[in-house]
């Protein structure tokens, strides 16, 4: 499936929606984010990205439930939220924005790269576990720090 050509603002908004949806589904099913992007697959993620302006008008529970059923995403045991009473838990939109910024930066650096392939790579990488650890400072670090760390292969 081809990725539609979008304005920079549309790209950021639509990528933000897809990243937030991945985070939402991962929390709902208690799965690692890499499990979710791989279960959805490149074609479905591309469709979600291309039609994000339509999907974001839908109830996120409805969209996520349909995807969970369609892609047979079973309940996992990855839970990065339970027991975090002393820590402010960021919303799926907060985390979606972190991923959107990182993925946008990486895709803008390589204009020939497929943004959905980058999304899958980032959500499947070591940095996703670091961002998911809400007891650490990683998820609220600035984007240039996260981008540099991602390129290095470890937290800088």
Protein backbone atom coordinates (compact mmCIF):
# COMPACT_ATOMS: atom_id res chain seq x y z
CA UNK A 1 0.00 0.00 0.00
CA UNK A 2 1.33 3.45 -0.94
CA UNK A 3 1.76 6.23 1.56
CA UNK A 4 -0.15 9.35 0.62
CA UNK A 5 1.74 12.59 0.12
CA UNK A 6 0.84 14.96 2.94
CA UNK A 7 1.74 18.40 4.10
CA UNK A 8 4.21 18.50 6.97
CA UNK A 9 1.42 19.38 9.40
CA UNK A 10 -0.79 16.52 8.14
CA UNK A 11 2.16 14.15 8.39
CA UNK A 12 2.81 15.09 12.03
CA UNK A 13 -0.88 14.92 12.99
CA UNK A 14 -1.49 11.61 11.26
CA UNK A 15 1.69 10.01 12.57
CA UNK A 16 0.76 11.24 16.06
CA UNK A 17 -2.61 9.50 15.74
CA UNK A 18 -1.05 6.20 14.62
CA UNK A 19 1.59 6.28 17.37
CA UNK A 20 -1.05 7.07 20.01
CA UNK A 21 -3.26 4.27 18.72
CA UNK A 22 -0.39 1.77 18.89
CA UNK A 23 0.28 2.86 22.48
CA UNK A 24 -3.43 2.59 23.33
CA UNK A 25 -3.74 -0.92 21.89
CA UNK A 26 -0.54 -2.02 23.64
CA UNK A 27 -1.83 -0.86 27.01
CA UNK A 28 -5.27 -2.33 26.41
CA UNK A 29 -3.89 -5.75 25.46
CA UNK A 30 -0.86 -5.65 27.78
CA UNK A 31 1.57 -6.20 24.94
CA UNK A 32 4.95 -4.78 24.09
CA UNK A 33 4.67 -2.04 21.47
CA UNK A 34 6.74 -4.08 19.03
CA UNK A 35 4.20 -6.90 19.27
CA UNK A 36 1.45 -4.49 18.30
CA UNK A 37 3.16 -2.93 15.27
CA UNK A 38 4.16 -6.35 14.00
CA UNK A 39 0.64 -7.73 14.54
CA UNK A 40 -0.89 -4.79 12.69
CA UNK A 41 1.67 -5.03 9.90
CA UNK A 42 2.92 -2.49 7.42
CA UNK A 43 -0.22 -2.49 5.23
CA UNK A 44 -2.62 -1.84 8.12
CA UNK A 45 -0.33 0.79 9.64
CA UNK A 46 -0.10 2.49 6.24
CA UNK A 47 -3.89 2.43 5.92
CA UNK A 48 -4.25 3.92 9.41
CA UNK A 49 -1.72 6.62 8.53
CA UNK A 50 -3.37 7.41 5.18
CA UNK A 51 -6.84 7.56 6.72
CA UNK A 52 -5.89 9.03 10.09
CA UNK A 53 -8.00 12.13 9.51
CA UNK A 54 -11.04 9.83 9.29
CA UNK A 55 -10.06 7.38 12.04
CA UNK A 56 -9.28 10.06 14.60
CA UNK A 57 -12.94 11.13 14.44
CA UNK A 58 -13.95 7.66 15.62
CA UNK A 59 -13.98 6.53 19.23
CA UNK A 60 -10.51 5.16 19.99
CA UNK A 61 -12.03 2.21 21.86
CA UNK A 62 -14.05 1.27 18.80
CA UNK A 63 -11.06 1.55 16.44
CA UNK A 64 -8.77 -0.36 18.80
CA UNK A 65 -11.35 -3.11 19.45
CA UNK A 66 -11.87 -3.60 15.71
CA UNK A 67 -8.11 -3.87 15.12
CA UNK A 68 -7.60 -6.22 18.08
CA UNK A 69 -10.33 -8.50 16.73
CA UNK A 70 -9.32 -8.26 13.06
CA UNK A 71 -5.64 -8.92 13.76
CA UNK A 72 -6.28 -11.51 16.47
CA UNK A 73 -4.17 -9.65 19.03
CA UNK A 74 -4.28 -11.70 22.20
CA UNK A 75 -3.76 -10.46 25.71
CA UNK A 76 -0.13 -10.41 26.75
CA UNK A 77 1.57 -10.01 30.09
CA UNK A 78 3.58 -6.83 29.47
CA UNK A 79 2.32 -4.29 31.98
CA UNK A 80 4.27 -1.10 32.44
CA UNK A 81 1.51 0.75 34.31
CA UNK A 82 0.36 -1.36 37.28
CA UNK A 83 1.93 -0.43 40.58
CA UNK A 84 3.02 3.03 39.50
CA UNK A 85 1.25 4.89 42.30
CA UNK A 86 4.19 7.21 43.00
CA UNK A 87 4.70 8.10 39.34
CA UNK A 88 2.54 10.21 37.02
CA UNK A 89 1.51 7.86 34.23
CA UNK A 90 1.64 9.63 30.87
CA UNK A 91 -1.41 9.22 28.66
CA UNK A 92 -1.31 7.30 25.40
CA UNK A 93 -1.36 10.72 23.70
CA UNK A 94 1.67 11.87 25.73
CA UNK A 95 3.63 8.81 24.62
CA UNK A 96 2.24 9.01 21.09
CA UNK A 97 3.76 12.49 20.83
CA UNK A 98 7.17 11.23 22.00
CA UNK A 99 7.16 8.54 19.30
CA UNK A 100 5.79 10.91 16.65
CA UNK A 101 8.62 13.38 17.19
CA UNK A 102 11.30 10.69 17.11
CA UNK A 103 9.90 8.96 14.03
CA UNK A 104 9.32 12.27 12.21
CA UNK A 105 12.89 13.36 12.86
CA UNK A 106 14.28 10.06 11.62
CA UNK A 107 12.09 10.10 8.51
CA UNK A 108 12.90 13.75 7.72
CA UNK A 109 16.62 12.96 7.85
CA UNK A 110 16.12 10.34 5.16
CA UNK A 111 13.42 11.55 2.77
CA UNK A 112 13.53 8.33 0.75
CA UNK A 113 12.72 6.26 3.85
CA UNK A 114 9.25 4.86 4.39
CA UNK A 115 7.81 6.46 7.53
CA UNK A 116 5.82 3.32 8.38
CA UNK A 117 8.92 1.14 8.20
CA UNK A 118 10.67 3.58 10.52
CA UNK A 119 7.67 3.46 12.86
CA UNK A 120 7.86 -0.34 12.98
CA UNK A 121 11.62 -0.24 13.57
CA UNK A 122 11.36 2.31 16.41
CA UNK A 123 8.47 0.59 18.20
CA UNK A 124 10.31 -2.74 17.87
CA UNK A 125 13.64 -1.38 19.10
CA UNK A 126 15.36 -1.14 22.45
CA UNK A 127 14.31 2.50 22.85
CA UNK A 128 10.62 1.56 23.12
CA UNK A 129 11.36 -0.30 26.38
CA UNK A 130 13.22 2.76 27.67
CA UNK A 131 10.35 5.10 26.75
CA UNK A 132 7.87 2.67 28.35
CA UNK A 133 9.68 2.79 31.69
CA UNK A 134 7.79 5.62 33.38
CA UNK A 135 10.04 5.44 36.44
CA UNK A 136 12.90 6.71 34.27
CA UNK A 137 13.28 10.10 32.66
CA UNK A 138 13.51 8.77 29.10
CA UNK A 139 9.95 9.48 27.95
CA UNK A 140 10.17 13.17 28.78
CA UNK A 141 13.67 13.79 27.43
CA UNK A 142 13.91 16.20 24.53
CA UNK A 143 13.65 14.81 21.03
CA UNK A 144 17.22 15.58 20.00
CA UNK A 145 18.50 13.54 22.96
CA UNK A 146 16.20 10.61 22.09
CA UNK A 147 17.19 10.80 18.42
CA UNK A 148 20.91 10.84 19.25
CA UNK A 149 20.45 7.94 21.67
CA UNK A 150 18.49 5.95 19.10
CA UNK A 151 21.26 6.43 16.54
CA UNK A 152 23.90 5.37 19.10
CA UNK A 153 21.95 2.26 20.06
CA UNK A 154 21.86 3.17 23.76
CA UNK A 155 20.95 6.05 26.04
CA UNK A 156 23.54 8.79 25.53
